[in-house]
C-alpha atoms as a PDB file:
ATOM      1  CA  VAL A   1      23.151  -5.339 290.551  1.00  0.00           C
ATOM      2  CA  ASP A   2      24.556  -2.621 292.777  1.00  0.00           C
ATOM      3  CA  LEU A   3      26.344  -4.615 295.489  1.00  0.00           C
ATOM      4  CA  ASP A   4      26.725  -1.639 297.824  1.00  0.00           C
ATOM      5  CA  TYR A   5      22.998  -0.972 297.653  1.00  0.00           C
ATOM      6  CA  ALA A   6      22.208  -4.669 298.155  1.00  0.00           C
ATOM      7  CA  LEU A   7      24.455  -4.764 301.230  1.00  0.00           C
ATOM      8  CA  SER A   8      22.802  -1.625 302.613  1.00  0.00           C
ATOM      9  CA  CYS A   9      19.384  -3.254 302.196  1.00  0.00           C
ATOM     10  CA  LYS A  10      20.625  -6.430 303.840  1.00  0.00           C
ATOM     11  CA  ARG A  11      21.998  -4.475 306.805  1.00  0.00           C
ATOM     12  CA  LEU A  12      18.677  -2.636 307.185  1.00  0.00           C
ATOM     13  CA  TYR A  13      16.695  -5.871 306.978  1.00  0.00           C
ATOM     14  CA  ASN A  14      18.953  -7.559 309.525  1.00  0.00           C
ATOM     15  CA  SER A  15      18.656  -4.613 311.912  1.00  0.00           C
ATOM     16  CA  LEU A  16      14.843  -4.774 311.669  1.00  0.00           C
ATOM     17  CA  ILE A  17      14.754  -8.543 312.152  1.00  0.00           C
ATOM     18  CA  LYS A  18      16.921  -8.248 315.279  1.00  0.00           C
ATOM     19  CA  LEU A  19      14.168  -6.158 316.876  1.00  0.00           C
ATOM     20  CA  VAL A  20      11.623  -8.947 316.447  1.00  0.00           C
ATOM     21  CA  PRO A  21      11.424 -11.558 319.232  1.00  0.00           C
ATOM     22  CA  SER A  22      12.341 -15.067 318.108  1.00  0.00           C
ATOM     23  CA  ASN A  23       8.849 -16.399 318.839  1.00  0.00           C
ATOM     24  CA  THR A  24       7.164 -13.906 316.494  1.00  0.00           C
ATOM     25  CA  PHE A  25       5.389 -15.497 313.553  1.00  0.00           C
ATOM     26  CA  VAL A  26       3.427 -14.551 310.480  1.00  0.00           C
ATOM     27  CA  ALA A  27       1.865 -16.878 307.923  1.00  0.00           C
ATOM     28  CA  GLY A  28       0.146 -15.798 304.748  1.00  0.00           C
ATOM     29  CA  PHE A  29      -2.234 -18.263 303.143  1.00  0.00           C
ATOM     30  CA  ALA A  30      -3.227 -18.063 299.498  1.00  0.00           C
ATOM     31  CA  ALA A  31      -6.835 -19.023 300.176  1.00  0.00           C
ATOM     32  CA  SER A  32      -9.327 -19.213 303.009  1.00  0.00           C
ATOM     33  CA  LYS A  33     -10.406 -22.510 304.520  1.00  0.00           C
ATOM     34  CA  GLY A  34     -12.461 -24.496 302.020  1.00  0.00           C
ATOM     35  CA  GLU A  35     -11.161 -22.544 299.011  1.00  0.00           C
ATOM     36  CA  THR A  36      -8.702 -23.498 296.292  1.00  0.00           C
ATOM     37  CA  ALA A  37      -5.705 -21.360 295.376  1.00  0.00           C
ATOM     38  CA  ASN A  38      -5.858 -20.325 291.736  1.00  0.00           C
ATOM     39  CA  ASP A  39      -3.012 -19.867 289.313  1.00  0.00           C
ATOM     40  CA  ASN A  40      -2.231 -19.122 285.696  1.00  0.00           C
ATOM     41  CA  ALA A  41       0.798 -19.459 283.414  1.00  0.00           C
ATOM     42  CA  GLU A  42       2.638 -16.864 285.543  1.00  0.00           C
ATOM     43  CA  GLY A  43       2.144 -18.767 288.807  1.00  0.00           C
ATOM     44  CA  GLY A  44      -0.154 -18.600 291.792  1.00  0.00           C
ATOM     45  CA  TYR A  45      -2.355 -15.532 292.136  1.00  0.00           C
ATOM     46  CA  TYR A  46      -1.223 -14.913 295.700  1.00  0.00           C
ATOM     47  CA  SER A  47       2.503 -15.306 294.982  1.00  0.00           C
ATOM     48  CA  GLN A  48       2.212 -13.062 291.927  1.00  0.00           C
ATOM     49  CA  SER A  49       0.323 -10.449 293.900  1.00  0.00           C
ATOM     50  CA  LEU A  50       2.779 -10.460 296.806  1.00  0.00           C
ATOM     51  CA  LEU A  51       5.689  -9.891 294.434  1.00  0.00           C
ATOM     52  CA  LYS A  52       3.851  -7.260 292.381  1.00  0.00           C
ATOM     53  CA  ASN A  53       2.804  -5.309 295.452  1.00  0.00           C
ATOM     54  CA  ALA A  54       6.252  -5.596 297.021  1.00  0.00           C
ATOM     55  CA  GLN A  55       7.705  -4.031 293.860  1.00  0.00           C
ATOM     56  CA  LYS A  56       5.073  -1.289 293.930  1.00  0.00           C
ATOM     57  CA  MET A  57       6.027  -0.573 297.529  1.00  0.00           C
ATOM     58  CA  VAL A  58       9.723  -0.398 296.623  1.00  0.00           C
ATOM     59  CA  ASN A  59       8.861   2.199 293.981  1.00  0.00           C
ATOM     60  CA  LEU A  60       6.772   4.203 296.447  1.00  0.00           C
ATOM     61  CA  LEU A  61       9.457   4.075 299.124  1.00  0.00           C
ATOM     62  CA  LYS A  62      12.079   5.227 296.641  1.00  0.00           C
ATOM     63  CA  ASN A  63      10.139   7.819 294.674  1.00  0.00           C
ATOM     64  CA  ASP A  64       6.974   9.037 296.388  1.00  0.00           C
ATOM     65  CA  GLU A  65       7.434  12.142 298.530  1.00  0.00           C
ATOM     66  CA  SER A  66       4.732  10.979 300.960  1.00  0.00           C
ATOM     67  CA  TYR A  67       6.919   7.948 301.806  1.00  0.00           C
ATOM     68  CA  LYS A  68      10.156   9.891 302.294  1.00  0.00           C
ATOM     69  CA  ASN A  69      10.297   9.043 306.012  1.00  0.00           C
ATOM     70  CA  TYR A  70       9.858   5.309 305.463  1.00  0.00           C
ATOM     71  CA  ASN A  71      12.269   2.673 304.216  1.00  0.00           C
ATOM     72  CA  TYR A  72      10.464  -0.609 304.873  1.00  0.00           C
ATOM     73  CA  ALA A  73       7.062  -2.287 304.777  1.00  0.00           C
ATOM     74  CA  PHE A  74       5.817  -5.185 306.854  1.00  0.00           C
ATOM     75  CA  PHE A  75       4.553  -8.455 305.395  1.00  0.00           C
ATOM     76  CA  SER A  76       1.083  -7.723 306.792  1.00  0.00           C
ATOM     77  CA  HIS A  77       0.842  -4.537 304.714  1.00  0.00           C
ATOM     78  CA  ILE A  78       1.896  -6.240 301.486  1.00  0.00           C
ATOM     79  CA  HIS A  79      -0.517  -9.094 302.256  1.00  0.00           C
ATOM     80  CA  VAL A  80      -3.452  -6.673 302.496  1.00  0.00           C
ATOM     81  CA  LEU A  81      -2.576  -5.160 299.121  1.00  0.00           C
ATOM     82  CA  ALA A  82      -2.113  -8.599 297.549  1.00  0.00           C
ATOM     83  CA  LYS A  83      -5.355  -9.906 299.070  1.00  0.00           C
ATOM     84  CA  ASP A  84      -7.401  -7.286 297.255  1.00  0.00           C
ATOM     85  CA  ASP A  85      -5.731  -8.170 293.941  1.00  0.00           C
ATOM     86  CA  VAL A  86      -6.261 -11.905 294.449  1.00  0.00           C
ATOM     87  CA  ILE A  87      -9.935 -11.474 295.247  1.00  0.00           C
ATOM     88  CA  GLU A  88     -10.349  -9.505 292.018  1.00  0.00           C
ATOM     89  CA  MET A  89      -8.220 -11.901 289.907  1.00  0.00           C
ATOM     90  CA  SER A  90     -10.151 -14.928 291.166  1.00  0.00           C
ATOM     91  CA  LEU A  91     -13.542 -13.276 290.653  1.00  0.00           C
ATOM     92  CA  HIS A  92     -14.154 -13.434 294.427  1.00  0.00           C
ATOM     93  CA  LYS A  93     -13.450 -17.188 294.639  1.00  0.00           C
ATOM     94  CA  GLN A  94     -10.183 -16.885 296.567  1.00  0.00           C
ATOM     95  CA  HIS A  95      -9.631 -14.901 299.762  1.00  0.00           C
ATOM     96  CA  PRO A  96      -6.081 -14.921 301.166  1.00  0.00           C
ATOM     97  CA  THR A  97      -5.721 -14.887 304.937  1.00  0.00           C
ATOM     98  CA  ILE A  98      -2.967 -14.056 307.369  1.00  0.00           C
ATOM     99  CA  GLU A  99      -2.168 -15.377 310.820  1.00  0.00           C
ATOM    100  CA  MET A 100       0.145 -13.472 313.082  1.00  0.00           C
ATOM    101  CA  GLN A 101       0.626 -12.313 316.606  1.00  0.00           C
ATOM    102  CA  ARG A 102      -1.151  -9.100 317.476  1.00  0.00           C
ATOM    103  CA  ASP A 103       1.614  -7.098 319.044  1.00  0.00           C
ATOM    104  CA  LYS A 104       3.995  -4.326 318.106  1.00  0.00           C
ATOM    105  CA  TYR A 105       6.502  -6.630 316.408  1.00  0.00           C
ATOM    106  CA  GLN A 106       6.091  -7.486 312.748  1.00  0.00           C
ATOM    107  CA  ILE A 107       8.197  -9.068 310.055  1.00  0.00           C
ATOM    108  CA  PRO A 108       9.636  -6.710 307.404  1.00  0.00           C
ATOM    109  CA  PHE A 109       9.002  -7.804 303.814  1.00  0.00           C
ATOM    110  CA  VAL A 110      10.299  -4.876 301.776  1.00  0.00           C
ATOM    111  CA  VAL A 111      13.329  -2.738 302.614  1.00  0.00           C
ATOM    112  CA  VAL A 112      14.789   0.217 300.724  1.00  0.00           C
ATOM    113  CA  ALA A 113      18.113   1.695 301.732  1.00  0.00           C
ATOM    114  CA  LYS A 114      18.114   5.468 301.498  1.00  0.00           C
END
């Protein structure tokens, strides 16, 4: 692990979090009301999908020219990507949801120091 890089990411994350009012919230739910969250030997579909899509976003932020001006992604964005995967993995039996305030402040989920 590159400690300098990790510290740079931590500083970026902390600077983004400081911009968010303390009463801001976001909650991702693995399934909609009345549904059951599915899993397999690797864990819950939603957790797996959040992590997989966060890693994909890291790769895009680091390597894709169209993302050169970006160095973070919000939880809501990763949730949307994960939701689509979960719906497919569960054969349309599980539909993740998100609850959050609808304002300009969001919680960062992925940061890449550049």
